[in-house]
């Protein structure tokens, strides 16, 4: 003997809600894990009476690769850059990148940045800073004369 079961609209909505709650729980767990990972890998500066942020002196424009230009590829590369206490660039991590060599061009430009390091009570400290390199394809304008 076969038993037939018919789904009602209420049961379908309940299943969808259950799936949604499961997805929310997974996303919340991932956010918690990533925030713990970030806190462990990016220590906060020591307690300071006077904290002065790093001052960028020169920022070099990133080179646009011919391949990216030919394919009209544009967008923004986001980098996390370590500004060391000895006024040198440390680790550079691509947070959000682009194709066709634009990440490498952005990193190359970031390595050429000059800055005055952040200070804590007058002593230089190492800090993290986010850099953005925007790549836009500009088409040549054609002038029409009458």
N, C-alpha and C. Protein backbone atom coordinates (compact mmCIF):
# COMPACT_ATOMS: atom_id res chain seq x y z
N UNK A 1 0.84 -1.18 0.00
CA UNK A 1 0.00 0.00 0.00
C UNK A 1 0.89 1.24 0.00
N UNK A 2 0.63 2.17 -0.90
CA UNK A 2 1.42 3.40 -1.02
C UNK A 2 0.71 4.53 -0.31
N UNK A 3 1.52 5.29 0.40
CA UNK A 3 0.98 6.46 1.08
C UNK A 3 1.37 7.68 0.27
N UNK A 4 0.44 8.52 -0.02
CA UNK A 4 0.72 9.75 -0.78
C UNK A 4 0.68 10.92 0.20
N UNK A 5 1.61 11.82 -0.02
CA UNK A 5 1.70 12.99 0.86
C UNK A 5 1.63 14.24 0.00
N UNK A 6 0.80 15.14 0.31
CA UNK A 6 0.68 16.39 -0.44
C UNK A 6 1.25 17.53 0.39
N UNK A 7 2.12 18.29 -0.25
CA UNK A 7 2.68 19.46 0.41
C UNK A 7 1.69 20.60 0.34
N UNK A 8 1.55 21.27 1.43
CA UNK A 8 0.70 22.46 1.42
C UNK A 8 1.61 23.69 1.29
N UNK A 9 1.03 24.79 0.99
CA UNK A 9 1.79 26.03 0.84
C UNK A 9 2.47 26.40 2.16
N UNK A 10 1.83 26.13 3.27
CA UNK A 10 2.40 26.45 4.58
C UNK A 10 3.65 25.62 4.83
N UNK A 11 3.59 24.35 4.50
CA UNK A 11 4.75 23.48 4.69
C UNK A 11 5.92 23.90 3.80
N UNK A 12 5.63 24.33 2.57
CA UNK A 12 6.68 24.80 1.68
C UNK A 12 7.34 26.06 2.24
N UNK A 13 6.54 26.99 2.74
CA UNK A 13 7.09 28.20 3.33
C UNK A 13 7.93 27.88 4.55
N UNK A 14 7.49 26.91 5.35
CA UNK A 14 8.25 26.51 6.53
C UNK A 14 9.60 25.94 6.13
N UNK A 15 9.64 25.14 5.07
CA UNK A 15 10.92 24.59 4.58
C UNK A 15 11.84 25.70 4.09
N UNK A 16 11.29 26.67 3.36
CA UNK A 16 12.09 27.79 2.86
C UNK A 16 12.65 28.60 4.02
N UNK A 17 11.83 28.84 5.05
CA UNK A 17 12.30 29.59 6.22
C UNK A 17 13.40 28.83 6.95
N UNK A 18 13.26 27.52 7.07
CA UNK A 18 14.27 26.70 7.73
C UNK A 18 15.60 26.79 6.97
N UNK A 19 15.54 26.72 5.63
CA UNK A 19 16.74 26.84 4.82
C UNK A 19 17.36 28.23 4.98
N UNK A 20 16.53 29.25 5.04
CA UNK A 20 17.02 30.61 5.21
C UNK A 20 17.70 30.78 6.57
N UNK A 21 17.10 30.24 7.63
CA UNK A 21 17.71 30.33 8.96
C UNK A 21 19.04 29.57 9.00
N UNK A 22 19.11 28.42 8.35
CA UNK A 22 20.37 27.68 8.28
C UNK A 22 21.44 28.49 7.58
N UNK A 23 21.07 29.15 6.48
CA UNK A 23 22.02 29.99 5.74
C UNK A 23 22.50 31.15 6.60
N UNK A 24 21.59 31.78 7.33
CA UNK A 24 21.96 32.89 8.20
C UNK A 24 22.91 32.41 9.29
N UNK A 25 22.67 31.23 9.84
CA UNK A 25 23.55 30.68 10.88
C UNK A 25 24.95 30.43 10.33
N UNK A 26 25.04 29.92 9.11
CA UNK A 26 26.35 29.68 8.49
C UNK A 26 27.08 30.99 8.26
N UNK A 27 26.39 31.99 7.73
CA UNK A 27 27.01 33.29 7.47
C UNK A 27 27.48 33.93 8.77
N UNK A 28 26.68 33.84 9.82
CA UNK A 28 27.06 34.41 11.12
C UNK A 28 28.31 33.72 11.66
N UNK A 29 28.37 32.39 11.52
CA UNK A 29 29.55 31.65 11.99
C UNK A 29 30.79 32.05 11.21
N UNK A 30 30.66 32.22 9.89
CA UNK A 30 31.80 32.63 9.08
C UNK A 30 32.27 34.04 9.45
N UNK A 31 31.34 34.93 9.71
CA UNK A 31 31.70 36.30 10.12
C UNK A 31 32.45 36.28 11.45
N UNK A 32 31.99 35.48 12.37
CA UNK A 32 32.64 35.37 13.68
C UNK A 32 34.06 34.82 13.53
N UNK A 33 34.21 33.76 12.72
CA UNK A 33 35.54 33.19 12.49
C UNK A 33 36.48 34.18 11.82
N UNK A 34 35.98 34.91 10.81
CA UNK A 34 36.85 35.85 10.11
C UNK A 34 37.23 37.03 11.01
N UNK A 35 36.33 37.47 11.88
CA UNK A 35 36.67 38.59 12.77
C UNK A 35 37.71 38.15 13.79
N UNK A 36 37.62 36.90 14.29
CA UNK A 36 38.64 36.40 15.20
C UNK A 36 39.99 36.28 14.50
N UNK A 37 39.97 35.79 13.26
CA UNK A 37 41.21 35.66 12.49
C UNK A 37 41.84 37.04 12.27
N UNK A 38 41.01 38.04 11.92
CA UNK A 38 41.51 39.39 11.69
C UNK A 38 42.13 39.95 12.97
N UNK A 39 41.45 39.77 14.10
CA UNK A 39 41.95 40.31 15.36
C UNK A 39 43.28 39.67 15.75
N UNK A 40 43.45 38.38 15.46
CA UNK A 40 44.70 37.71 15.79
C UNK A 40 45.84 38.16 14.88
N UNK A 41 45.55 38.44 13.61
CA UNK A 41 46.59 38.78 12.64
C UNK A 41 46.84 40.28 12.50
N UNK A 42 46.02 41.10 13.12
CA UNK A 42 46.18 42.55 13.04
C UNK A 42 46.09 43.13 14.45
N UNK A 43 47.17 43.01 15.20
CA UNK A 43 47.12 43.52 16.58
C UNK A 43 46.90 45.03 16.60
N UNK A 44 46.21 45.46 17.61
CA UNK A 44 45.95 46.88 17.78
C UNK A 44 47.21 47.57 18.32
N UNK A 45 47.39 48.86 18.00
CA UNK A 45 48.54 49.56 18.54
C UNK A 45 48.43 49.66 20.07
N UNK A 46 49.56 49.81 20.74
CA UNK A 46 49.51 49.92 22.20
C UNK A 46 48.72 51.15 22.62
N UNK A 47 48.31 51.17 23.88
CA UNK A 47 47.59 52.33 24.38
C UNK A 47 48.46 53.57 24.23
N UNK A 48 47.87 54.60 23.65
CA UNK A 48 48.62 55.84 23.39
C UNK A 48 47.86 57.02 23.96
N UNK A 49 48.62 57.95 24.45
CA UNK A 49 48.01 59.24 24.80
C UNK A 49 47.85 60.07 23.54
N UNK A 50 48.84 60.00 22.66
CA UNK A 50 48.81 60.75 21.42
C UNK A 50 49.15 59.81 20.26
N UNK A 51 48.14 59.48 19.46
CA UNK A 51 48.33 58.61 18.29
C UNK A 51 48.20 59.47 17.04
N UNK A 52 49.27 59.55 16.25
CA UNK A 52 49.26 60.32 15.01
C UNK A 52 49.32 59.32 13.86
N UNK A 53 48.32 59.32 12.94
CA UNK A 53 48.33 58.36 11.85
C UNK A 53 49.46 58.62 10.86
N UNK A 54 49.77 57.60 10.07
CA UNK A 54 50.80 57.74 9.04
C UNK A 54 50.36 58.80 8.03
N UNK A 55 51.35 59.53 7.52
CA UNK A 55 51.06 60.58 6.52
C UNK A 55 51.69 60.17 5.20
N UNK A 56 50.86 60.02 4.17
CA UNK A 56 51.35 59.67 2.85
C UNK A 56 51.99 60.92 2.24
N UNK A 57 53.24 60.78 1.82
CA UNK A 57 53.96 61.91 1.21
C UNK A 57 53.79 61.86 -0.30
N UNK A 58 54.06 60.72 -0.91
CA UNK A 58 53.87 60.57 -2.37
C UNK A 58 53.20 59.23 -2.64
N UNK A 59 52.26 59.25 -3.57
CA UNK A 59 51.59 58.02 -4.01
C UNK A 59 51.72 57.95 -5.53
N UNK A 60 52.30 56.87 -6.00
CA UNK A 60 52.56 56.70 -7.42
C UNK A 60 51.32 56.12 -8.10
N UNK A 61 51.04 56.59 -9.30
CA UNK A 61 49.91 56.07 -10.07
C UNK A 61 50.28 54.70 -10.64
N UNK A 62 49.35 53.76 -10.58
CA UNK A 62 49.60 52.41 -11.09
C UNK A 62 49.55 52.42 -12.62
N UNK A 63 50.41 51.60 -13.21
CA UNK A 63 50.49 51.46 -14.67
C UNK A 63 49.31 50.61 -15.14
N UNK A 64 48.75 50.95 -16.29
CA UNK A 64 47.65 50.20 -16.89
C UNK A 64 48.26 49.24 -17.91
N UNK A 65 48.00 47.95 -17.79
CA UNK A 65 48.58 47.01 -18.74
C UNK A 65 47.89 47.14 -20.10
N UNK A 66 48.65 46.86 -21.16
CA UNK A 66 48.09 46.94 -22.51
C UNK A 66 46.98 45.92 -22.71
N UNK A 67 47.15 44.73 -22.10
CA UNK A 67 46.13 43.69 -22.23
C UNK A 67 44.80 44.14 -21.62
N UNK A 68 44.87 44.75 -20.45
CA UNK A 68 43.65 45.24 -19.79
C UNK A 68 43.02 46.37 -20.60
N UNK A 69 43.85 47.26 -21.13
CA UNK A 69 43.34 48.38 -21.93
C UNK A 69 42.68 47.86 -23.21
N UNK A 70 43.32 46.86 -23.86
CA UNK A 70 42.78 46.32 -25.10
C UNK A 70 41.43 45.63 -24.87
N UNK A 71 41.25 45.05 -23.69
CA UNK A 71 40.00 44.36 -23.39
C UNK A 71 38.99 45.25 -22.66
N UNK A 72 39.31 46.54 -22.56
CA UNK A 72 38.44 47.50 -21.87
C UNK A 72 38.11 47.04 -20.45
N UNK A 73 39.10 46.44 -19.78
CA UNK A 73 38.89 45.94 -18.42
C UNK A 73 39.17 47.07 -17.44
N UNK A 74 38.21 47.37 -16.60
CA UNK A 74 38.38 48.45 -15.64
C UNK A 74 37.79 48.08 -14.31
N UNK A 75 38.13 48.85 -13.29
CA UNK A 75 37.65 48.60 -11.94
C UNK A 75 38.64 49.12 -10.92
N UNK A 76 38.53 48.63 -9.68
CA UNK A 76 39.37 49.11 -8.59
C UNK A 76 40.05 47.93 -7.92
N UNK A 77 41.36 48.09 -7.65
CA UNK A 77 42.11 47.11 -6.87
C UNK A 77 42.22 47.66 -5.46
N UNK A 78 41.86 46.84 -4.47
CA UNK A 78 41.94 47.22 -3.06
C UNK A 78 43.09 46.45 -2.43
N UNK A 79 44.02 47.16 -1.82
CA UNK A 79 45.18 46.55 -1.17
C UNK A 79 45.18 46.87 0.31
N UNK A 80 45.67 45.93 1.11
CA UNK A 80 45.96 46.18 2.52
C UNK A 80 47.48 46.25 2.62
N UNK A 81 47.98 47.40 3.06
CA UNK A 81 49.42 47.66 3.03
C UNK A 81 49.93 47.90 4.45
N UNK A 82 51.04 47.25 4.78
CA UNK A 82 51.68 47.44 6.07
C UNK A 82 52.67 48.59 5.95
N UNK A 83 52.45 49.63 6.75
CA UNK A 83 53.35 50.79 6.79
C UNK A 83 54.23 50.63 8.02
N UNK A 84 55.47 50.28 7.79
CA UNK A 84 56.36 49.94 8.90
C UNK A 84 56.90 51.17 9.61
N UNK A 85 57.33 50.95 10.84
CA UNK A 85 57.82 52.06 11.68
C UNK A 85 59.10 52.68 11.15
N UNK A 86 59.84 51.96 10.27
CA UNK A 86 61.07 52.52 9.70
C UNK A 86 60.82 53.20 8.36
N UNK A 87 59.56 53.53 8.07
CA UNK A 87 59.13 54.25 6.86
C UNK A 87 59.35 53.41 5.60
N UNK A 88 59.23 52.09 5.71
CA UNK A 88 59.27 51.22 4.54
C UNK A 88 57.94 50.50 4.42
N UNK A 89 57.68 50.00 3.21
CA UNK A 89 56.45 49.24 2.96
C UNK A 89 56.71 47.79 3.33
N UNK A 90 55.81 47.21 4.11
CA UNK A 90 55.94 45.81 4.51
C UNK A 90 55.08 44.92 3.63
N UNK A 91 54.31 44.06 4.26
CA UNK A 91 53.47 43.11 3.54
C UNK A 91 52.33 43.83 2.81
N UNK A 92 52.07 43.39 1.58
CA UNK A 92 50.95 43.93 0.80
C UNK A 92 50.06 42.76 0.44
N UNK A 93 48.77 42.91 0.74
CA UNK A 93 47.80 41.85 0.46
C UNK A 93 46.69 42.42 -0.43
N UNK A 94 46.34 41.69 -1.48
CA UNK A 94 45.24 42.09 -2.36
C UNK A 94 43.94 41.70 -1.68
N UNK A 95 43.12 42.70 -1.37
CA UNK A 95 41.83 42.46 -0.74
C UNK A 95 40.79 42.14 -1.81
N UNK A 96 40.78 42.95 -2.87
CA UNK A 96 39.90 42.72 -4.01
C UNK A 96 40.69 43.11 -5.25
N UNK A 97 40.80 42.19 -6.18
CA UNK A 97 41.67 42.44 -7.32
C UNK A 97 40.96 42.43 -8.65
N UNK A 98 41.77 42.64 -9.69
CA UNK A 98 41.32 42.62 -11.07
C UNK A 98 42.21 41.69 -11.88
N UNK A 99 41.81 41.40 -13.11
CA UNK A 99 42.56 40.52 -13.99
C UNK A 99 43.60 41.29 -14.80
N UNK A 100 44.26 40.54 -15.67
CA UNK A 100 45.18 41.06 -16.69
C UNK A 100 46.35 41.85 -16.13
N UNK A 101 46.88 41.43 -14.99
CA UNK A 101 48.08 42.02 -14.43
C UNK A 101 47.88 43.31 -13.65
N UNK A 102 46.65 43.73 -13.45
CA UNK A 102 46.41 45.00 -12.76
C UNK A 102 46.73 44.90 -11.26
N UNK A 103 46.58 43.71 -10.67
CA UNK A 103 46.97 43.53 -9.26
C UNK A 103 48.47 43.77 -9.09
N UNK A 104 49.27 43.17 -9.98
CA UNK A 104 50.73 43.33 -9.91
C UNK A 104 51.13 44.79 -10.11
N UNK A 105 50.46 45.47 -11.02
CA UNK A 105 50.76 46.89 -11.25
C UNK A 105 50.42 47.72 -10.01
N UNK A 106 49.34 47.37 -9.33
CA UNK A 106 48.96 48.09 -8.11
C UNK A 106 49.97 47.85 -7.00
N UNK A 107 50.40 46.61 -6.85
CA UNK A 107 51.40 46.29 -5.82
C UNK A 107 52.71 47.00 -6.11
N UNK A 108 53.10 47.03 -7.38
CA UNK A 108 54.32 47.72 -7.78
C UNK A 108 54.24 49.22 -7.43
N UNK A 109 53.09 49.82 -7.68
CA UNK A 109 52.90 51.24 -7.35
C UNK A 109 52.90 51.45 -5.83
N UNK A 110 52.27 50.54 -5.10
CA UNK A 110 52.20 50.67 -3.63
C UNK A 110 53.60 50.59 -3.01
N UNK A 111 54.48 49.78 -3.59
CA UNK A 111 55.85 49.66 -3.08
C UNK A 111 56.64 50.96 -3.22
N UNK A 112 56.20 51.85 -4.12
CA UNK A 112 56.90 53.12 -4.35
C UNK A 112 56.35 54.27 -3.52
N UNK A 113 55.34 54.01 -2.71
CA UNK A 113 54.74 55.05 -1.86
C UNK A 113 55.76 55.47 -0.80
N UNK A 114 55.84 56.77 -0.56
CA UNK A 114 56.66 57.27 0.55
C UNK A 114 55.73 57.85 1.60
N UNK A 115 56.12 57.70 2.86
CA UNK A 115 55.25 58.14 3.94
C UNK A 115 56.05 58.42 5.20
N UNK A 116 55.41 59.15 6.10
CA UNK A 116 55.94 59.34 7.45
C UNK A 116 55.16 58.37 8.33
N UNK A 117 55.86 57.52 9.09
CA UNK A 117 55.15 56.50 9.87
C UNK A 117 54.25 57.09 10.95
N UNK A 118 53.26 56.30 11.32
CA UNK A 118 52.38 56.68 12.43
C UNK A 118 53.22 56.70 13.70
N UNK A 119 52.79 57.52 14.66
CA UNK A 119 53.52 57.59 15.93
C UNK A 119 52.57 57.40 17.09
N UNK A 120 53.11 56.79 18.12
CA UNK A 120 52.39 56.59 19.38
C UNK A 120 53.24 57.26 20.45
N UNK A 121 52.74 58.34 21.01
CA UNK A 121 53.48 59.13 22.00
C UNK A 121 54.87 59.51 21.48
N UNK A 122 54.92 59.87 20.19
CA UNK A 122 56.17 60.32 19.58
C UNK A 122 57.07 59.22 19.05
N UNK A 123 56.74 57.95 19.31
CA UNK A 123 57.55 56.82 18.82
C UNK A 123 56.89 56.23 17.57
N UNK A 124 57.67 56.03 16.48
CA UNK A 124 57.08 55.45 15.27
C UNK A 124 56.58 54.02 15.52
N UNK A 125 55.43 53.70 14.90
CA UNK A 125 54.84 52.37 15.03
C UNK A 125 54.44 51.85 13.65
N UNK A 126 54.32 50.54 13.54
CA UNK A 126 53.86 49.90 12.30
C UNK A 126 52.34 49.87 12.29
N UNK A 127 51.73 50.23 11.15
CA UNK A 127 50.27 50.23 11.03
C UNK A 127 49.86 49.63 9.69
N UNK A 128 48.58 49.36 9.56
CA UNK A 128 47.99 48.88 8.31
C UNK A 128 47.20 50.02 7.68
N UNK A 129 47.20 50.05 6.36
CA UNK A 129 46.44 51.08 5.64
C UNK A 129 45.87 50.46 4.38
N UNK A 130 44.69 50.86 4.00
CA UNK A 130 44.08 50.39 2.75
C UNK A 130 44.37 51.37 1.63
N UNK A 131 44.82 50.84 0.49
CA UNK A 131 45.06 51.64 -0.71
C UNK A 131 44.09 51.18 -1.78
N UNK A 132 43.66 52.13 -2.60
CA UNK A 132 42.80 51.82 -3.74
C UNK A 132 43.48 52.33 -5.00
N UNK A 133 43.48 51.51 -6.03
CA UNK A 133 43.98 51.92 -7.34
C UNK A 133 42.85 51.72 -8.33
N UNK A 134 42.41 52.83 -8.93
CA UNK A 134 41.27 52.82 -9.85
C UNK A 134 41.79 52.80 -11.28
N UNK A 135 41.25 51.88 -12.06
CA UNK A 135 41.61 51.75 -13.47
C UNK A 135 40.37 52.01 -14.31
N UNK A 136 40.43 53.06 -15.14
CA UNK A 136 39.34 53.40 -16.05
C UNK A 136 39.88 53.50 -17.46
N UNK A 137 39.14 52.96 -18.40
CA UNK A 137 39.51 53.08 -19.81
C UNK A 137 38.87 54.34 -20.34
N UNK A 138 39.71 55.26 -20.77
CA UNK A 138 39.21 56.50 -21.36
C UNK A 138 39.34 56.38 -22.87
N UNK A 139 38.25 56.57 -23.54
CA UNK A 139 38.28 56.51 -24.99
C UNK A 139 38.65 57.88 -25.53
N UNK A 140 39.38 57.87 -26.64
CA UNK A 140 39.77 59.14 -27.26
C UNK A 140 38.53 59.84 -27.78
N UNK A 141 38.50 61.15 -27.55
CA UNK A 141 37.37 61.93 -28.05
C UNK A 141 37.62 62.28 -29.51
N UNK A 142 36.58 62.23 -30.25
CA UNK A 142 36.68 62.64 -31.65
C UNK A 142 35.99 64.00 -31.76
N UNK A 143 36.71 64.93 -32.28
CA UNK A 143 36.16 66.26 -32.44
C UNK A 143 35.58 66.38 -33.85
N UNK A 144 34.41 66.92 -33.91
CA UNK A 144 33.75 67.14 -35.21
C UNK A 144 33.62 68.64 -35.41
N UNK A 145 34.20 69.10 -36.49
CA UNK A 145 34.15 70.54 -36.79
C UNK A 145 33.18 70.77 -37.94
N UNK A 146 32.40 71.82 -37.82
CA UNK A 146 31.44 72.17 -38.87
C UNK A 146 31.96 73.32 -39.67
